Amino acid sequence: MNQTHALDHAHPAHLDTSTGLDNRKLAFWGFIGSECLLFGSLIATYMAYKGNSIAGPTPHGDCWKGVPCVNPGHGIFNLPLTTASTFILLVSSVFMVLALNYTQRGERMKSALWLFMTAFGGSIFLGCQVYEFTHFYHEGLTLGTSLFSSSFYLLTGFHGAHVTAGVLYLMTLAWMAYRGRIGPEKALNVELAGLYWHFVDVIWIVIFPLVYLIK
């Protein structure tokens, strides 16, 4: 009986928790829950400070509280660029689904390819964000310019840090898949990476309209 019990624990499909979920997946959901609380507080802070700045540049134009309406309608945001980078980030989630599918089917080269493509999509998003931040800096919007700028850089920069961590994670998995170190028996590693990547995408879906579209 003890031998059977030991074999059950050694089996890769063994479920360790009373919920029926693998303990690593359960821990990861807990991590995502804590991240939701953290991002929620940052988003709330941004929304609270967004309309309280008295110094420009401003996100959607100069007609803010206490700011003369010098150039109405001309904000600092580059919506076409951010919309394009958002689209690329969302498409990368599709790539992630393909990567997990091929990993579970044991097709390591396709798995490595789509993991790399997912990371590549994230890299393009990060490149657009770096360009955006550089442009804002030259326009005079620094971290200490106003309450808006501080909360904006904190929120979007924190999200960018998560995307960076995801890109590094995915590149590592792509290399491991290419070397044959990730097969169907280790598909959970790719699934957890997918959960993280989808979480990063969903958070951006919330941030993008709140920060860039709603005036």
Protein backbone atom coordinates (compact mmCIF):
# COMPACT_ATOMS: atom_id res chain seq x y z
CA MET A 1 0.00 0.00 0.00
CA ASN A 2 2.84 2.35 0.86
CA GLN A 3 4.49 1.51 -2.44
CA THR A 4 1.28 2.38 -4.33
CA HIS A 5 1.04 5.65 -2.44
CA ALA A 6 4.62 6.49 -3.33
CA LEU A 7 4.00 5.72 -7.00
CA ASP A 8 0.96 7.98 -6.99
CA HIS A 9 3.09 10.88 -5.78
CA ALA A 10 5.75 10.12 -8.38
CA HIS A 11 3.26 10.23 -11.25
CA PRO A 12 3.45 13.52 -13.18
CA ALA A 13 -0.34 13.83 -13.24
CA HIS A 14 -0.63 13.52 -9.47
CA LEU A 15 -2.87 16.21 -7.99
CA ASP A 16 -1.59 17.49 -4.69
CA THR A 17 -4.49 19.60 -3.45
CA SER A 18 -8.05 18.95 -2.34
CA THR A 19 -9.25 21.28 -5.11
CA GLY A 20 -8.04 18.89 -7.79
CA LEU A 21 -5.51 21.41 -9.06
CA ASP A 22 -1.79 20.89 -9.20
CA ASN A 23 -0.19 22.70 -6.26
CA ARG A 24 2.00 24.75 -8.62
CA LYS A 25 -1.02 25.93 -10.57
CA LEU A 26 -2.88 26.75 -7.35
CA ALA A 27 0.09 28.74 -6.07
CA PHE A 28 0.27 30.58 -9.39
CA TRP A 29 -3.41 31.55 -9.18
CA GLY A 30 -2.70 32.91 -5.71
CA PHE A 31 0.17 34.94 -7.14
CA ILE A 32 -2.08 36.33 -9.89
CA GLY A 33 -4.71 37.24 -7.28
CA SER A 34 -2.15 39.25 -5.31
CA GLU A 35 -0.99 40.93 -8.51
CA CYS A 36 -4.59 41.93 -9.30
CA LEU A 37 -4.80 43.69 -5.93
CA LEU A 38 -1.51 45.48 -6.61
CA PHE A 39 -2.50 46.62 -10.09
CA GLY A 40 -5.93 47.61 -8.78
CA SER A 41 -4.35 49.96 -6.27
CA LEU A 42 -2.08 51.49 -8.95
CA ILE A 43 -5.01 51.99 -11.33
CA ALA A 44 -7.07 53.59 -8.55
CA THR A 45 -4.17 55.91 -7.73
CA TYR A 46 -3.83 56.94 -11.37
CA MET A 47 -7.55 57.62 -11.74
CA ALA A 48 -7.54 59.67 -8.53
CA TYR A 49 -4.62 61.87 -9.64
CA LYS A 50 -5.31 62.01 -13.37
CA GLY A 51 -7.43 65.16 -13.27
CA ASN A 52 -5.66 66.92 -10.42
CA SER A 53 -2.48 68.08 -12.12
CA ILE A 54 -2.01 71.80 -12.70
CA ALA A 55 1.16 71.48 -14.78
CA GLY A 56 1.47 70.18 -18.33
CA PRO A 57 2.06 68.36 -20.58
CA THR A 58 -1.32 66.74 -20.24
CA PRO A 59 -2.56 63.45 -21.71
CA HIS A 60 -5.50 64.68 -23.79
CA GLY A 61 -4.99 68.43 -24.23
CA ASP A 62 -4.46 71.55 -22.18
CA CYS A 63 -8.00 72.08 -20.95
CA TRP A 64 -7.46 70.80 -17.42
CA LYS A 65 -8.21 72.18 -14.02
CA GLY A 66 -6.42 75.50 -13.64
CA VAL A 67 -4.59 75.12 -16.96
CA PRO A 68 -5.29 77.66 -19.73
CA CYS A 69 -6.86 76.07 -22.80
CA VAL A 70 -3.99 76.97 -25.14
CA ASN A 71 -4.12 74.06 -27.53
CA PRO A 72 -7.30 72.08 -26.92
CA GLY A 73 -7.42 68.57 -28.25
CA HIS A 74 -3.61 68.22 -28.55
CA GLY A 75 -2.56 65.73 -25.92
CA ILE A 76 0.79 64.10 -25.37
CA PHE A 77 -0.42 60.57 -26.03
CA ASN A 78 0.32 58.92 -29.38
CA LEU A 79 -2.84 56.85 -29.71
CA PRO A 80 -2.05 55.19 -33.09
CA LEU A 81 1.27 53.89 -31.73
CA THR A 82 -0.19 52.65 -28.46
CA THR A 83 -3.14 51.07 -30.25
CA ALA A 84 -0.78 49.21 -32.57
CA SER A 85 1.39 47.96 -29.70
CA THR A 86 -1.75 46.90 -27.81
CA PHE A 87 -2.91 44.91 -30.83
CA ILE A 88 0.48 43.17 -31.07
CA LEU A 89 0.40 42.30 -27.38
CA LEU A 90 -3.07 40.80 -27.72
CA VAL A 91 -2.06 38.79 -30.80
CA SER A 92 0.87 37.39 -28.82
CA SER A 93 -1.67 35.71 -26.54
CA VAL A 94 -2.85 33.72 -29.56
CA PHE A 95 0.77 32.70 -30.18
CA MET A 96 0.94 31.55 -26.55
CA VAL A 97 -2.08 29.29 -27.05
CA LEU A 98 -0.41 27.75 -30.10
CA ALA A 99 2.81 27.21 -28.14
CA LEU A 100 0.97 25.35 -25.38
CA ASN A 101 -0.95 23.26 -27.92
CA TYR A 102 2.22 22.13 -29.70
CA THR A 103 3.97 21.48 -26.39
CA GLN A 104 1.16 19.18 -25.26
CA ARG A 105 1.36 17.39 -28.64
CA GLY A 106 5.10 16.89 -28.32
CA GLU A 107 6.04 18.99 -31.37
CA ARG A 108 9.04 20.71 -29.83
CA MET A 109 10.16 22.81 -32.81
CA LYS A 110 6.71 24.34 -33.28
CA SER A 111 6.47 24.82 -29.54
CA ALA A 112 9.81 26.66 -29.53
CA LEU A 113 8.77 28.74 -32.56
CA TRP A 114 5.51 29.99 -31.03
CA LEU A 115 7.11 30.59 -27.65
CA PHE A 116 9.69 32.72 -29.43
CA MET A 117 6.98 34.51 -31.42
CA THR A 118 5.11 35.28 -28.19
CA ALA A 119 8.26 36.74 -26.67
CA PHE A 120 8.91 38.66 -29.89
CA GLY A 121 5.43 40.23 -29.72
CA GLY A 122 6.10 41.24 -26.13
CA SER A 123 9.45 42.73 -27.18
CA ILE A 124 7.76 44.90 -29.82
CA PHE A 125 5.31 46.13 -27.19
CA LEU A 126 8.21 47.00 -24.89
CA GLY A 127 10.04 48.77 -27.73
CA CYS A 128 6.97 50.93 -28.36
CA GLN A 129 6.74 51.72 -24.65
CA VAL A 130 10.40 52.73 -24.49
CA TYR A 131 9.89 54.98 -27.54
CA GLU A 132 6.79 56.48 -25.90
CA PHE A 133 8.55 57.18 -22.61
CA THR A 134 11.51 58.74 -24.45
CA HIS A 135 9.14 60.96 -26.43
CA PHE A 136 7.34 62.02 -23.26
CA TYR A 137 10.65 62.85 -21.59
CA HIS A 138 11.66 65.13 -24.45
CA GLU A 139 8.22 66.77 -24.28
CA GLY A 140 8.89 67.62 -20.64
CA LEU A 141 6.81 64.89 -19.00
CA THR A 142 9.14 63.37 -16.44
CA LEU A 143 8.44 61.29 -13.36
CA GLY A 144 8.35 64.40 -11.17
CA THR A 145 6.50 66.77 -13.49
CA SER A 146 3.04 66.31 -12.01
CA LEU A 147 0.77 63.93 -10.13
CA PHE A 148 -0.44 62.66 -13.48
CA SER A 149 3.07 61.88 -14.74
CA SER A 150 4.11 60.14 -11.50
CA SER A 151 1.04 57.90 -11.41
CA PHE A 152 1.22 57.29 -15.18
CA TYR A 153 4.88 56.19 -15.18
CA LEU A 154 4.35 54.07 -12.06
CA LEU A 155 1.36 52.23 -13.52
CA THR A 156 2.54 51.69 -17.10
CA GLY A 157 6.17 51.16 -16.05
CA PHE A 158 5.12 48.50 -13.53
CA HIS A 159 3.15 46.75 -16.25
CA GLY A 160 6.14 47.05 -18.59
CA ALA A 161 8.33 45.39 -15.93
CA HIS A 162 5.89 42.47 -15.88
CA VAL A 163 6.03 42.20 -19.68
CA THR A 164 9.84 42.22 -19.49
CA ALA A 165 9.81 39.38 -16.96
CA GLY A 166 7.40 37.48 -19.21
CA VAL A 167 9.58 37.95 -22.28
CA LEU A 168 12.64 36.62 -20.43
CA TYR A 169 10.61 33.69 -19.10
CA LEU A 170 9.28 32.84 -22.58
CA MET A 171 12.70 33.11 -24.20
CA THR A 172 14.05 30.67 -21.62
CA LEU A 173 11.20 28.24 -22.31
CA ALA A 174 11.68 28.61 -26.08
CA TRP A 175 15.35 27.72 -25.72
CA MET A 176 14.52 24.74 -23.49
CA ALA A 177 11.86 23.54 -25.95
CA TYR A 178 14.32 23.90 -28.83
CA ARG A 179 16.84 21.80 -26.90
CA GLY A 180 14.20 19.14 -26.24
CA ARG A 181 14.01 19.77 -22.51
CA ILE A 182 10.27 20.52 -22.49
CA GLY A 183 7.96 17.79 -23.70
CA PRO A 184 4.31 16.92 -23.05
CA GLU A 185 5.21 15.72 -19.55
CA LYS A 186 6.40 19.25 -18.71
CA ALA A 187 3.61 21.12 -20.48
CA LEU A 188 2.53 22.57 -17.14
CA ASN A 189 5.59 24.86 -17.26
CA VAL A 190 4.33 26.32 -20.54
CA GLU A 191 0.77 26.46 -19.22
CA LEU A 192 1.90 28.52 -16.21
CA ALA A 193 3.80 30.83 -18.55
CA GLY A 194 0.60 31.15 -20.57
CA LEU A 195 -1.41 32.04 -17.48
CA TYR A 196 1.10 34.74 -16.65
CA TRP A 197 1.12 36.09 -20.21
CA HIS A 198 -2.68 36.18 -20.48
CA PHE A 199 -2.79 37.94 -17.11
CA VAL A 200 -0.38 40.61 -18.39
CA ASP A 201 -2.57 41.05 -21.48
CA VAL A 202 -5.81 41.31 -19.50
CA ILE A 203 -4.28 43.92 -17.20
CA TRP A 204 -3.29 45.97 -20.24
CA ILE A 205 -6.81 45.66 -21.66
CA VAL A 206 -7.95 47.40 -18.47
CA ILE A 207 -5.14 49.98 -18.43
CA PHE A 208 -5.32 51.00 -22.09
CA PRO A 209 -8.87 52.44 -22.17
CA LEU A 210 -8.64 53.93 -18.67
CA VAL A 211 -5.34 55.69 -19.32
CA TYR A 212 -5.33 56.41 -23.04
CA LEU A 213 -8.97 56.63 -24.15
CA ILE A 214 -11.08 58.00 -21.31
CA LYS A 215 -10.68 61.77 -20.90
